[in-house]
Amino acid sequence: MNPETSPAEATVTEGTAVPARTRSNSFFRPKRTPLPRDDARRQGDISQLAFLTMGGRDPAIAFLNSENAELGGRPLALATASDTGYEQVATAIRAWARDPGFE
């Protein structure tokens, strides 16, 4: 390697200088806007209710992330979106606790 040039400056191909690609920080996630405080609270509350009521992590995650025809969508998204959605999903979780065959 020529000490006068660094690998980031240029690569020479057939006598023409081609700018080297700059290094990307691909291991960092792109910046996203955080959930609004109320949405984050509802998401945490419904997750906790599901974990405690449905007997652990796996059944709760399966319920919250799968489409539910009776609720009209994914329970986690519905509960996060509004207070009304939260109440609908909480009611469904409580009904499941009374009758585990419910879905």
C-alpha atoms as a PDB file:
ATOM      1  CA  MET A   1       0.000   0.000   0.000  1.00  0.00           C
ATOM      2  CA  ASN A   2       1.267   3.423  -0.887  1.00  0.00           C
ATOM      3  CA  PRO A   3       1.747   5.442   2.326  1.00  0.00           C
ATOM      4  CA  GLU A   4       0.658   8.644   0.545  1.00  0.00           C
ATOM      5  CA  THR A   5      -2.862   7.389  -0.149  1.00  0.00           C
ATOM      6  CA  SER A   6      -5.304   5.808   2.209  1.00  0.00           C
ATOM      7  CA  PRO A   7      -7.751   3.101   1.141  1.00  0.00           C
ATOM      8  CA  ALA A   8     -10.669   5.494   1.707  1.00  0.00           C
ATOM      9  CA  GLU A   9      -9.362   8.067  -0.771  1.00  0.00           C
ATOM     10  CA  ALA A  10      -9.487   6.293  -4.121  1.00  0.00           C
ATOM     11  CA  THR A  11      -9.042   3.043  -5.940  1.00  0.00           C
ATOM     12  CA  VAL A  12      -7.189   3.062  -9.232  1.00  0.00           C
ATOM     13  CA  THR A  13      -8.746   0.966 -11.983  1.00  0.00           C
ATOM     14  CA  GLU A  14      -7.087   0.942 -15.410  1.00  0.00           C
ATOM     15  CA  GLY A  15      -5.491   4.314 -14.886  1.00  0.00           C
ATOM     16  CA  THR A  16      -8.684   6.051 -13.683  1.00  0.00           C
ATOM     17  CA  ALA A  17      -9.266   7.027 -10.114  1.00  0.00           C
ATOM     18  CA  VAL A  18     -12.523   5.691  -8.760  1.00  0.00           C
ATOM     19  CA  PRO A  19     -13.657   7.073  -5.426  1.00  0.00           C
ATOM     20  CA  ALA A  20     -13.670   4.413  -2.739  1.00  0.00           C
ATOM     21  CA  ARG A  21     -16.916   3.670  -0.999  1.00  0.00           C
ATOM     22  CA  THR A  22     -17.161   5.164   2.396  1.00  0.00           C
ATOM     23  CA  ARG A  23     -17.667   2.850   5.263  1.00  0.00           C
ATOM     24  CA  SER A  24     -21.245   2.381   6.338  1.00  0.00           C
ATOM     25  CA  ASN A  25     -22.306   1.810   9.883  1.00  0.00           C
ATOM     26  CA  SER A  26     -24.701  -0.942   8.912  1.00  0.00           C
ATOM     27  CA  PHE A  27     -24.739  -2.339  12.419  1.00  0.00           C
ATOM     28  CA  PHE A  28     -26.575   0.746  13.672  1.00  0.00           C
ATOM     29  CA  ARG A  29     -30.310   0.945  13.161  1.00  0.00           C
ATOM     30  CA  PRO A  30     -31.686   3.881  11.263  1.00  0.00           C
ATOM     31  CA  LYS A  31     -33.216   6.539  13.443  1.00  0.00           C
ATOM     32  CA  ARG A  32     -36.891   6.004  14.093  1.00  0.00           C
ATOM     33  CA  THR A  33     -39.419   8.070  15.883  1.00  0.00           C
ATOM     34  CA  PRO A  34     -40.279   6.550  19.248  1.00  0.00           C
ATOM     35  CA  LEU A  35     -43.794   5.483  20.140  1.00  0.00           C
ATOM     36  CA  PRO A  36     -45.844   8.198  21.776  1.00  0.00           C
ATOM     37  CA  ARG A  37     -45.919   7.809  25.554  1.00  0.00           C
ATOM     38  CA  ASP A  38     -49.576   6.652  25.719  1.00  0.00           C
ATOM     39  CA  ASP A  39     -49.054   4.069  22.968  1.00  0.00           C
ATOM     40  CA  ALA A  40     -45.948   2.696  24.703  1.00  0.00           C
ATOM     41  CA  ARG A  41     -47.819   2.471  28.018  1.00  0.00           C
ATOM     42  CA  ARG A  42     -50.712   0.573  26.435  1.00  0.00           C
ATOM     43  CA  GLN A  43     -48.308  -1.761  24.631  1.00  0.00           C
ATOM     44  CA  GLY A  44     -46.449  -2.548  27.847  1.00  0.00           C
ATOM     45  CA  ASP A  45     -49.638  -2.984  29.854  1.00  0.00           C
ATOM     46  CA  ILE A  46     -51.283  -5.353  27.365  1.00  0.00           C
ATOM     47  CA  SER A  47     -48.071  -7.375  27.058  1.00  0.00           C
ATOM     48  CA  GLN A  48     -47.818  -7.729  30.827  1.00  0.00           C
ATOM     49  CA  LEU A  49     -51.493  -8.700  31.118  1.00  0.00           C
ATOM     50  CA  ALA A  50     -51.066 -11.333  28.405  1.00  0.00           C
ATOM     51  CA  PHE A  51     -47.861 -12.758  29.929  1.00  0.00           C
ATOM     52  CA  LEU A  52     -49.400 -13.059  33.381  1.00  0.00           C
ATOM     53  CA  THR A  53     -52.819 -14.283  32.279  1.00  0.00           C
ATOM     54  CA  MET A  54     -51.956 -16.647  29.438  1.00  0.00           C
ATOM     55  CA  GLY A  55     -49.336 -18.689  31.246  1.00  0.00           C
ATOM     56  CA  GLY A  56     -46.074 -17.256  30.024  1.00  0.00           C
ATOM     57  CA  ARG A  57     -44.165 -15.701  27.199  1.00  0.00           C
ATOM     58  CA  ASP A  58     -44.812 -18.072  24.289  1.00  0.00           C
ATOM     59  CA  PRO A  59     -48.624 -18.212  24.436  1.00  0.00           C
ATOM     60  CA  ALA A  60     -48.790 -14.453  25.049  1.00  0.00           C
ATOM     61  CA  ILE A  61     -46.535 -13.590  22.104  1.00  0.00           C
ATOM     62  CA  ALA A  62     -48.405 -16.016  19.857  1.00  0.00           C
ATOM     63  CA  PHE A  63     -51.725 -14.404  20.768  1.00  0.00           C
ATOM     64  CA  LEU A  64     -50.534 -10.787  20.574  1.00  0.00           C
ATOM     65  CA  ASN A  65     -48.747 -11.114  17.233  1.00  0.00           C
ATOM     66  CA  SER A  66     -51.149 -13.291  15.241  1.00  0.00           C
ATOM     67  CA  GLU A  67     -54.152 -12.038  13.297  1.00  0.00           C
ATOM     68  CA  ASN A  68     -57.384 -12.407  15.232  1.00  0.00           C
ATOM     69  CA  ALA A  69     -60.564 -12.361  13.148  1.00  0.00           C
ATOM     70  CA  GLU A  70     -62.807 -11.666  16.146  1.00  0.00           C
ATOM     71  CA  LEU A  71     -60.815  -8.571  17.072  1.00  0.00           C
ATOM     72  CA  GLY A  72     -60.234  -7.494  13.483  1.00  0.00           C
ATOM     73  CA  GLY A  73     -56.440  -7.458  13.435  1.00  0.00           C
ATOM     74  CA  ARG A  74     -53.315  -8.156  15.458  1.00  0.00           C
ATOM     75  CA  PRO A  75     -54.140  -7.744  19.149  1.00  0.00           C
ATOM     76  CA  LEU A  76     -50.869  -5.949  19.949  1.00  0.00           C
ATOM     77  CA  ALA A  77     -51.431  -3.339  17.234  1.00  0.00           C
ATOM     78  CA  LEU A  78     -55.058  -2.838  18.261  1.00  0.00           C
ATOM     79  CA  ALA A  79     -54.216  -2.446  21.942  1.00  0.00           C
ATOM     80  CA  THR A  80     -51.390  -0.027  21.196  1.00  0.00           C
ATOM     81  CA  ALA A  81     -53.438   2.186  18.881  1.00  0.00           C
ATOM     82  CA  SER A  82     -56.215   3.339  21.240  1.00  0.00           C
ATOM     83  CA  ASP A  83     -57.820   2.989  24.657  1.00  0.00           C
ATOM     84  CA  THR A  84     -60.835   1.322  23.046  1.00  0.00           C
ATOM     85  CA  GLY A  85     -58.591  -1.219  21.299  1.00  0.00           C
ATOM     86  CA  TYR A  86     -56.774  -1.847  24.560  1.00  0.00           C
ATOM     87  CA  GLU A  87     -60.050  -2.620  26.327  1.00  0.00           C
ATOM     88  CA  GLN A  88     -61.167  -4.972  23.526  1.00  0.00           C
ATOM     89  CA  VAL A  89     -57.910  -6.928  23.651  1.00  0.00           C
ATOM     90  CA  ALA A  90     -57.856  -6.987  27.474  1.00  0.00           C
ATOM     91  CA  THR A  91     -61.404  -8.380  27.440  1.00  0.00           C
ATOM     92  CA  ALA A  92     -60.334 -11.074  24.957  1.00  0.00           C
ATOM     93  CA  ILE A  93     -57.337 -12.024  27.140  1.00  0.00           C
ATOM     94  CA  ARG A  94     -59.551 -12.260  30.222  1.00  0.00           C
ATOM     95  CA  ALA A  95     -62.051 -14.391  28.272  1.00  0.00           C
ATOM     96  CA  TRP A  96     -59.189 -16.656  27.198  1.00  0.00           C
ATOM     97  CA  ALA A  97     -58.195 -17.058  30.870  1.00  0.00           C
ATOM     98  CA  ARG A  98     -61.731 -18.242  31.690  1.00  0.00           C
ATOM     99  CA  ASP A  99     -61.863 -20.521  28.633  1.00  0.00           C
ATOM    100  CA  PRO A 100     -58.404 -21.421  27.180  1.00  0.00           C
ATOM    101  CA  GLY A 101     -60.100 -22.755  24.038  1.00  0.00           C
ATOM    102  CA  PHE A 102     -61.207 -19.188  23.238  1.00  0.00           C
ATOM    103  CA  GLU A 103     -59.482 -17.398  20.334  1.00  0.00           C
END
